[in-house]
Amino acid sequence: MSKITFLPMNVTQEVKAGITILDAAIQYDIPLQHACGGFCACTTCHIQVKSGMSSLSALEEDEIDRLERVAEGVQENSRLGCQAKIYGDVVVEVVHLDES
């Protein structure tokens, strides 16, 4: 099992290896937006990895393209929650909180 910590809520949960950050957020009621339903068609699940980048799946072309062309406030540690799979302990910060 891996652990993911969501900031700014400071919630840590155990997850099975291979689950996406978005699926982990949904599983534990973390308010991470996902307007496209997790199909890499938007950037509302944009997160910033605070630690554990090497514990995530590699960036793929669709995710890179989406981050470069659409996402606001992209940093070197930016990922899309719908694309990043967890394979170890990570700490992420939710960029767009789902206020609904």
N, C-alpha and C. Protein backbone atom coordinates (compact mmCIF):
# COMPACT_ATOMS: atom_id res chain seq x y z
N MET A 1 0.84 -1.19 0.00
CA MET A 1 0.00 0.00 0.00
C MET A 1 0.89 1.25 0.00
N SER A 2 0.38 2.26 -0.65
CA SER A 2 1.06 3.55 -0.70
C SER A 2 0.23 4.55 0.09
N LYS A 3 0.84 5.67 0.42
CA LYS A 3 0.12 6.74 1.11
C LYS A 3 0.12 7.99 0.25
N ILE A 4 -1.02 8.67 0.25
CA ILE A 4 -1.11 9.97 -0.42
C ILE A 4 -1.63 10.97 0.59
N THR A 5 -1.00 12.12 0.62
CA THR A 5 -1.44 13.22 1.46
C THR A 5 -1.92 14.34 0.55
N PHE A 6 -3.14 14.79 0.81
CA PHE A 6 -3.73 15.90 0.06
C PHE A 6 -3.64 17.18 0.87
N LEU A 7 -3.05 18.19 0.28
CA LEU A 7 -2.99 19.52 0.87
C LEU A 7 -3.93 20.42 0.09
N PRO A 8 -4.53 21.43 0.59
CA PRO A 8 -4.32 22.00 1.92
C PRO A 8 -5.13 21.33 3.02
N MET A 9 -5.87 20.26 2.71
CA MET A 9 -6.71 19.61 3.73
C MET A 9 -5.90 18.85 4.77
N ASN A 10 -4.65 18.48 4.41
CA ASN A 10 -3.78 17.69 5.27
C ASN A 10 -4.41 16.35 5.64
N VAL A 11 -4.94 15.68 4.60
CA VAL A 11 -5.56 14.37 4.76
C VAL A 11 -4.64 13.33 4.13
N THR A 12 -4.30 12.30 4.91
CA THR A 12 -3.46 11.22 4.41
C THR A 12 -4.27 9.93 4.40
N GLN A 13 -4.17 9.19 3.28
CA GLN A 13 -4.90 7.93 3.13
C GLN A 13 -4.00 6.89 2.49
N GLU A 14 -4.26 5.63 2.78
CA GLU A 14 -3.57 4.54 2.11
C GLU A 14 -4.33 4.19 0.85
N VAL A 15 -3.59 3.89 -0.21
CA VAL A 15 -4.20 3.54 -1.49
C VAL A 15 -3.45 2.36 -2.10
N LYS A 16 -4.13 1.64 -3.00
CA LYS A 16 -3.49 0.55 -3.72
C LYS A 16 -2.61 1.12 -4.83
N ALA A 17 -1.51 0.46 -5.08
CA ALA A 17 -0.60 0.89 -6.14
C ALA A 17 -1.33 0.87 -7.48
N GLY A 18 -1.09 1.90 -8.28
CA GLY A 18 -1.67 1.98 -9.61
C GLY A 18 -2.93 2.80 -9.71
N ILE A 19 -3.48 3.24 -8.59
CA ILE A 19 -4.66 4.10 -8.61
C ILE A 19 -4.24 5.52 -8.99
N THR A 20 -5.09 6.22 -9.72
CA THR A 20 -4.74 7.61 -10.05
C THR A 20 -5.00 8.51 -8.84
N ILE A 21 -4.37 9.65 -8.86
CA ILE A 21 -4.60 10.64 -7.80
C ILE A 21 -6.07 11.04 -7.78
N LEU A 22 -6.67 11.21 -8.95
CA LEU A 22 -8.09 11.58 -9.02
C LEU A 22 -8.96 10.49 -8.40
N ASP A 23 -8.72 9.24 -8.74
CA ASP A 23 -9.52 8.15 -8.17
C ASP A 23 -9.35 8.07 -6.66
N ALA A 24 -8.15 8.31 -6.17
CA ALA A 24 -7.92 8.33 -4.72
C ALA A 24 -8.70 9.48 -4.08
N ALA A 25 -8.70 10.64 -4.73
CA ALA A 25 -9.45 11.79 -4.21
C ALA A 25 -10.94 11.48 -4.15
N ILE A 26 -11.46 10.89 -5.20
CA ILE A 26 -12.89 10.54 -5.22
C ILE A 26 -13.20 9.52 -4.14
N GLN A 27 -12.35 8.52 -4.00
CA GLN A 27 -12.55 7.46 -3.01
C GLN A 27 -12.63 8.02 -1.59
N TYR A 28 -11.86 9.06 -1.31
CA TYR A 28 -11.80 9.60 0.06
C TYR A 28 -12.45 10.98 0.18
N ASP A 29 -13.34 11.31 -0.75
CA ASP A 29 -14.11 12.57 -0.69
C ASP A 29 -13.24 13.81 -0.60
N ILE A 30 -12.13 13.82 -1.32
CA ILE A 30 -11.28 15.00 -1.41
C ILE A 30 -11.83 15.87 -2.55
N PRO A 31 -12.03 17.15 -2.33
CA PRO A 31 -12.66 18.01 -3.33
C PRO A 31 -11.73 18.40 -4.49
N LEU A 32 -11.40 17.42 -5.33
CA LEU A 32 -10.56 17.66 -6.51
C LEU A 32 -11.48 17.70 -7.73
N GLN A 33 -11.51 18.83 -8.40
CA GLN A 33 -12.38 18.98 -9.58
C GLN A 33 -11.98 17.99 -10.66
N HIS A 34 -12.95 17.63 -11.49
CA HIS A 34 -12.71 16.73 -12.62
C HIS A 34 -13.84 16.88 -13.64
N ALA A 35 -13.88 18.05 -14.27
CA ALA A 35 -14.96 18.41 -15.18
C ALA A 35 -15.12 17.43 -16.35
N CYS A 36 -14.03 16.86 -16.84
CA CYS A 36 -14.12 15.96 -18.00
C CYS A 36 -14.33 14.51 -17.59
N GLY A 37 -14.41 14.25 -16.30
CA GLY A 37 -14.61 12.89 -15.83
C GLY A 37 -13.36 12.04 -15.79
N GLY A 38 -12.20 12.69 -15.89
CA GLY A 38 -10.94 11.96 -15.77
C GLY A 38 -10.39 11.43 -17.09
N PHE A 39 -10.71 12.09 -18.19
CA PHE A 39 -10.27 11.63 -19.51
C PHE A 39 -9.19 12.49 -20.14
N CYS A 40 -8.49 13.30 -19.36
CA CYS A 40 -7.41 14.15 -19.85
C CYS A 40 -7.89 15.11 -20.93
N ALA A 41 -9.12 15.60 -20.77
CA ALA A 41 -9.69 16.53 -21.73
C ALA A 41 -9.79 17.95 -21.18
N CYS A 42 -9.45 18.12 -19.92
CA CYS A 42 -9.45 19.45 -19.30
C CYS A 42 -8.26 19.51 -18.34
N THR A 43 -8.21 20.50 -17.50
CA THR A 43 -7.12 20.57 -16.52
C THR A 43 -7.63 20.89 -15.12
N THR A 44 -8.90 20.62 -14.87
CA THR A 44 -9.45 20.97 -13.55
C THR A 44 -8.89 20.10 -12.43
N CYS A 45 -8.29 18.95 -12.74
CA CYS A 45 -7.70 18.09 -11.71
C CYS A 45 -6.20 18.37 -11.54
N HIS A 46 -5.77 19.54 -11.99
CA HIS A 46 -4.37 19.97 -11.88
C HIS A 46 -3.95 19.97 -10.41
N ILE A 47 -2.87 19.28 -10.11
CA ILE A 47 -2.31 19.25 -8.75
C ILE A 47 -0.82 19.58 -8.85
N GLN A 48 -0.24 19.92 -7.71
CA GLN A 48 1.20 20.11 -7.64
C GLN A 48 1.76 19.09 -6.66
N VAL A 49 2.77 18.39 -7.11
CA VAL A 49 3.40 17.35 -6.30
C VAL A 49 4.42 18.01 -5.38
N LYS A 50 4.18 17.92 -4.09
CA LYS A 50 5.09 18.52 -3.11
C LYS A 50 6.22 17.57 -2.74
N SER A 51 5.96 16.27 -2.76
CA SER A 51 7.02 15.27 -2.57
C SER A 51 6.54 13.95 -3.15
N GLY A 52 7.50 13.16 -3.61
CA GLY A 52 7.19 11.84 -4.14
C GLY A 52 6.97 11.79 -5.63
N MET A 53 7.48 12.74 -6.38
CA MET A 53 7.29 12.75 -7.84
C MET A 53 7.76 11.42 -8.46
N SER A 54 8.84 10.85 -7.93
CA SER A 54 9.35 9.59 -8.48
C SER A 54 8.44 8.40 -8.15
N SER A 55 7.46 8.61 -7.29
CA SER A 55 6.50 7.55 -6.94
C SER A 55 5.25 7.60 -7.80
N LEU A 56 5.27 8.45 -8.84
CA LEU A 56 4.14 8.57 -9.76
C LEU A 56 4.53 8.03 -11.13
N SER A 57 3.51 7.63 -11.89
CA SER A 57 3.74 7.20 -13.27
C SER A 57 4.36 8.34 -14.07
N ALA A 58 5.02 7.99 -15.15
CA ALA A 58 5.67 8.98 -16.00
C ALA A 58 4.64 9.83 -16.74
N LEU A 59 5.01 11.07 -17.03
CA LEU A 59 4.18 11.94 -17.85
C LEU A 59 4.08 11.36 -19.25
N GLU A 60 2.87 11.36 -19.81
CA GLU A 60 2.68 10.92 -21.19
C GLU A 60 2.32 12.13 -22.04
N GLU A 61 2.41 11.97 -23.36
CA GLU A 61 2.22 13.08 -24.29
C GLU A 61 0.91 13.84 -24.09
N ASP A 62 -0.21 13.13 -23.91
CA ASP A 62 -1.50 13.81 -23.73
C ASP A 62 -1.48 14.74 -22.51
N GLU A 63 -0.91 14.25 -21.42
CA GLU A 63 -0.85 15.05 -20.20
C GLU A 63 0.07 16.26 -20.39
N ILE A 64 1.23 16.04 -20.99
CA ILE A 64 2.16 17.14 -21.24
C ILE A 64 1.49 18.21 -22.10
N ASP A 65 0.84 17.77 -23.17
CA ASP A 65 0.16 18.70 -24.08
C ASP A 65 -0.91 19.49 -23.34
N ARG A 66 -1.70 18.83 -22.55
CA ARG A 66 -2.79 19.50 -21.81
C ARG A 66 -2.20 20.52 -20.83
N LEU A 67 -1.17 20.14 -20.11
CA LEU A 67 -0.55 21.05 -19.15
C LEU A 67 0.05 22.27 -19.85
N GLU A 68 0.74 22.04 -20.96
CA GLU A 68 1.41 23.14 -21.67
C GLU A 68 0.43 24.08 -22.35
N ARG A 69 -0.65 23.56 -22.89
CA ARG A 69 -1.56 24.38 -23.68
C ARG A 69 -2.74 24.96 -22.92
N VAL A 70 -3.19 24.31 -21.88
CA VAL A 70 -4.46 24.70 -21.26
C VAL A 70 -4.33 25.14 -19.80
N ALA A 71 -3.56 24.44 -19.03
CA ALA A 71 -3.52 24.67 -17.58
C ALA A 71 -2.91 26.02 -17.23
N GLU A 72 -3.47 26.64 -16.20
CA GLU A 72 -2.92 27.89 -15.67
C GLU A 72 -2.07 27.59 -14.46
N GLY A 73 -1.00 28.36 -14.28
CA GLY A 73 -0.16 28.22 -13.10
C GLY A 73 0.68 26.95 -13.09
N VAL A 74 1.00 26.43 -14.27
CA VAL A 74 1.80 25.19 -14.36
C VAL A 74 3.20 25.44 -13.83
N GLN A 75 3.66 24.50 -13.03
CA GLN A 75 5.01 24.53 -12.49
C GLN A 75 5.70 23.21 -12.83
N GLU A 76 6.96 23.12 -12.51
CA GLU A 76 7.72 21.91 -12.80
C GLU A 76 7.13 20.68 -12.11
N ASN A 77 6.45 20.90 -11.00
CA ASN A 77 5.88 19.79 -10.23
C ASN A 77 4.39 19.58 -10.51
N SER A 78 3.88 20.16 -11.59
CA SER A 78 2.47 20.03 -11.94
C SER A 78 2.17 18.66 -12.58
N ARG A 79 1.02 18.12 -12.23
CA ARG A 79 0.51 16.89 -12.85
C ARG A 79 -1.01 17.02 -12.94
N LEU A 80 -1.61 16.16 -13.74
CA LEU A 80 -3.06 16.04 -13.78
C LEU A 80 -3.43 14.81 -12.95
N GLY A 81 -4.33 15.02 -12.02
CA GLY A 81 -4.72 13.94 -11.12
C GLY A 81 -5.30 12.73 -11.82
N CYS A 82 -5.93 12.95 -12.97
CA CYS A 82 -6.54 11.84 -13.71
C CYS A 82 -5.50 10.98 -14.42
N GLN A 83 -4.30 11.47 -14.60
CA GLN A 83 -3.27 10.75 -15.35
C GLN A 83 -2.16 10.18 -14.48
N ALA A 84 -1.90 10.79 -13.34
CA ALA A 84 -0.79 10.38 -12.47
C ALA A 84 -1.19 9.20 -11.59
N LYS A 85 -0.56 8.06 -11.83
CA LYS A 85 -0.82 6.87 -11.02
C LYS A 85 0.19 6.79 -9.88
N ILE A 86 -0.29 6.35 -8.74
CA ILE A 86 0.50 6.32 -7.51
C ILE A 86 1.18 4.96 -7.34
N TYR A 87 2.50 4.98 -7.12
CA TYR A 87 3.27 3.75 -6.89
C TYR A 87 4.15 3.85 -5.65
N GLY A 88 3.89 4.81 -4.80
CA GLY A 88 4.66 5.01 -3.57
C GLY A 88 4.04 6.18 -2.83
N ASP A 89 4.68 6.63 -1.79
CA ASP A 89 4.13 7.71 -0.98
C ASP A 89 4.31 9.06 -1.68
N VAL A 90 3.23 9.85 -1.69
CA VAL A 90 3.26 11.17 -2.32
C VAL A 90 2.49 12.18 -1.48
N VAL A 91 2.88 13.44 -1.64
CA VAL A 91 2.17 14.57 -1.05
C VAL A 91 1.83 15.50 -2.21
N VAL A 92 0.54 15.81 -2.35
CA VAL A 92 0.10 16.67 -3.45
C VAL A 92 -0.75 17.81 -2.91
N GLU A 93 -0.71 18.92 -3.63
CA GLU A 93 -1.55 20.06 -3.29
C GLU A 93 -2.58 20.25 -4.39
N VAL A 94 -3.85 20.31 -3.99
CA VAL A 94 -4.94 20.51 -4.92
C VAL A 94 -4.92 21.98 -5.37
N VAL A 95 -4.89 22.21 -6.67
CA VAL A 95 -4.82 23.55 -7.21
C VAL A 95 -6.20 24.17 -7.30
N HIS A 96 -7.18 23.41 -7.79
CA HIS A 96 -8.56 23.90 -7.95
C HIS A 96 -9.47 23.10 -7.03
N LEU A 97 -9.82 23.68 -5.90
CA LEU A 97 -10.72 22.97 -4.98
C LEU A 97 -12.13 22.98 -5.53
N ASP A 98 -12.80 21.85 -5.43
CA ASP A 98 -14.19 21.71 -5.84
C ASP A 98 -15.05 22.23 -4.70
N GLU A 99 -15.63 23.38 -4.89
CA GLU A 99 -16.40 24.05 -3.83
C GLU A 99 -17.86 23.65 -3.82
N SER A 100 -18.28 22.71 -4.70
CA SER A 100 -19.70 22.36 -4.76
C SER A 100 -20.14 21.46 -3.63
